[in-house]
Amino acid sequence: MSDTPTGAEAGSIPNGVPKDRCGYTLDTDDVPEIIDAVSCWRPVWNDSEQCIWHADVENKPITELRKACSDQIEQLDGAILRSIEAEGFDWLSGCRLIRADLTEAHFPDADLSNADLFGADFTEADLSGANLANAYLPEADFTKASLRKTKLIDASLDDAILTDADLYRANLADAILPKADFTNARLQEANLIGAVPREADFTNASLPGAYFTNADLSQANLINTYLHRANLISANLDGADLTGADLREANLRHTTLAEARLTETKITNADAKYAEFERATLTRTDFFDANLIGARFYGATFDDTKINRGTEFGEHYADDLDGIDGEDLDDEEATPWDKAAWTYRQLEELARRNALPEQAREAFKRRKDIRRDELWQKLWNDRDWGSFRNWGYSKGLSVVMRYGASPWRVVRVSGGVIGIWSVLYLLLGSIYVPEGFPDSETIGQNFFPVLSLPTPLTEWGISLYFSVVTFTTLGYGDLQPASGAAQALATIESFLGALLIALLVFVLGRRSTW
């Protein structure tokens, strides 16, 4: 507000005013709230030409000011209260002090609630512990002011200047702060729950432990802001610029960061569960050890984004996919399946670039699951039977080898086939067992002599051996299928064995490339 006149400089002494009267009139050209200014009719003070309120004098005696203030709400526009020291007073509560000059005033614990302080100058003033609840403070200048533990609940600070101000533990709950300038301000543990600082400027501000729950910070400038352990639960940071901001260990649960700029932002150890990063710029953003379960990333730009093994991802867009009604979808917009699949694709590439193969495989598998579920939804809602074939193929790939990502899944399926076929050979077919099998004449040391087992277990052991030999297509020739059913089963098992062994080789080779 340095370009705007305050105090006596902002008005004039109109003609026709008696010499024993102040005659100060506020210049209303830049104060839209005032239509007709009223000349001050208070008596002049001492040797000055104006009243005690408008005389351009510093360190005015507080006792005389108190006497000059009636018990009714005063109109003190343009008052000059520079360098005055007064603690804990309440006689200015609700007064009108538009464009008042309170530079370097010392008002700790004062009650200025409900006061109209439009454009007031509080440069380097001490208002620590003061009550400014519901105060009207648009365009007020708090440069280098001390507002420690000050109550600014429901205050209106549109376009206010708080550059280098100290707002330690200040209470700005539900305050109106659009376009306010918090450059280099210190807001440690400040309470901004429900505040509306749209388009506010927090450049280089220090806000560790600040509370921004449900705050509206859309389009705000938070460049290089220090927000360590800040609470931003459900805050709206749509389009905000957080370039270089420090959000380590911050609580970003359900926070909206759509289209926000997070270039070189530190979100290390932050809790960003269910946060929204859609269309955000994530260039060189640090997500080390962050909780990103359920976060939304559709359309976000990942450029040299950093994650590590401690970065947690989970089911993304799961809430949108649960109970979705295909009739409500707009063909021109991306479906929740598209958003989820796109997100997992980006996370897969992100994990690859950060040399995290396990995370890359997990994202790949989730992406395939999403597409399979989409086919099932189309089959269920649209009766699209053409989707059944694709769904069955996808389901088979998942069961057998987890879309080519799990060799142990192939091994387990192979073991299942061998075990099932060993039982089927006993139930449906027959195996020719030569007399004296197994042959007692062997070479080498017999460290594992043939055990004498009960007949059922012996038969199943022989059947299991035959199943393994058939599955692996070894073909020793010591056992042979002795019926048409056994031959059919052996044919199918040998085909399945060749297929599963080939798949195992494929999966192992694929894993080596992650």
Foldseek 3Di string as FASTA:
>chain_A
DVVADFFQVQFDQDPPQDQQAARTWGNCPPPVVDDDTDGGGHGPDDPASYNQFRGPDEQDDPVVVVVVQDQDAEARERGEHELYEDEQAESNALHEHERYEHDQYEYEQYENDNYEHELYEDDQHEHDNYEHDQYEYENYEQHQYEHDQYEHDQYEHEQYEQDQYEHDQYEHDLYEADQYEQAQYEHAQHEHANYEHDQHENHNYEYAQYEQHQYEHDNHEQDLYEHDQHEHALYEHHQYEHHNYEHDQHEQDQYEQDQYEQACYEDACYENDLYEHELYEQACYEHELYEHEQYFHHNYHYHVYDYDPNYHYYQHLPVQPPPHAPVPDDPVDQHSLNRRLVVLVVQLVNCVVNVNLVSNLVSVLVSLVSVLVVLVVCCVRVVPVVSVVVNVVSVVCCQQASVLARLVSLVVVLVVLLLVQLVCCVVPFDKDADPCPPPPDDDDDCPDDDDDDPPVVVSSVVSSVVSVCLLCVVCPPNMDTDDPVNVVSSVVNVVVSVVSVVSSVSSVVVSVVD
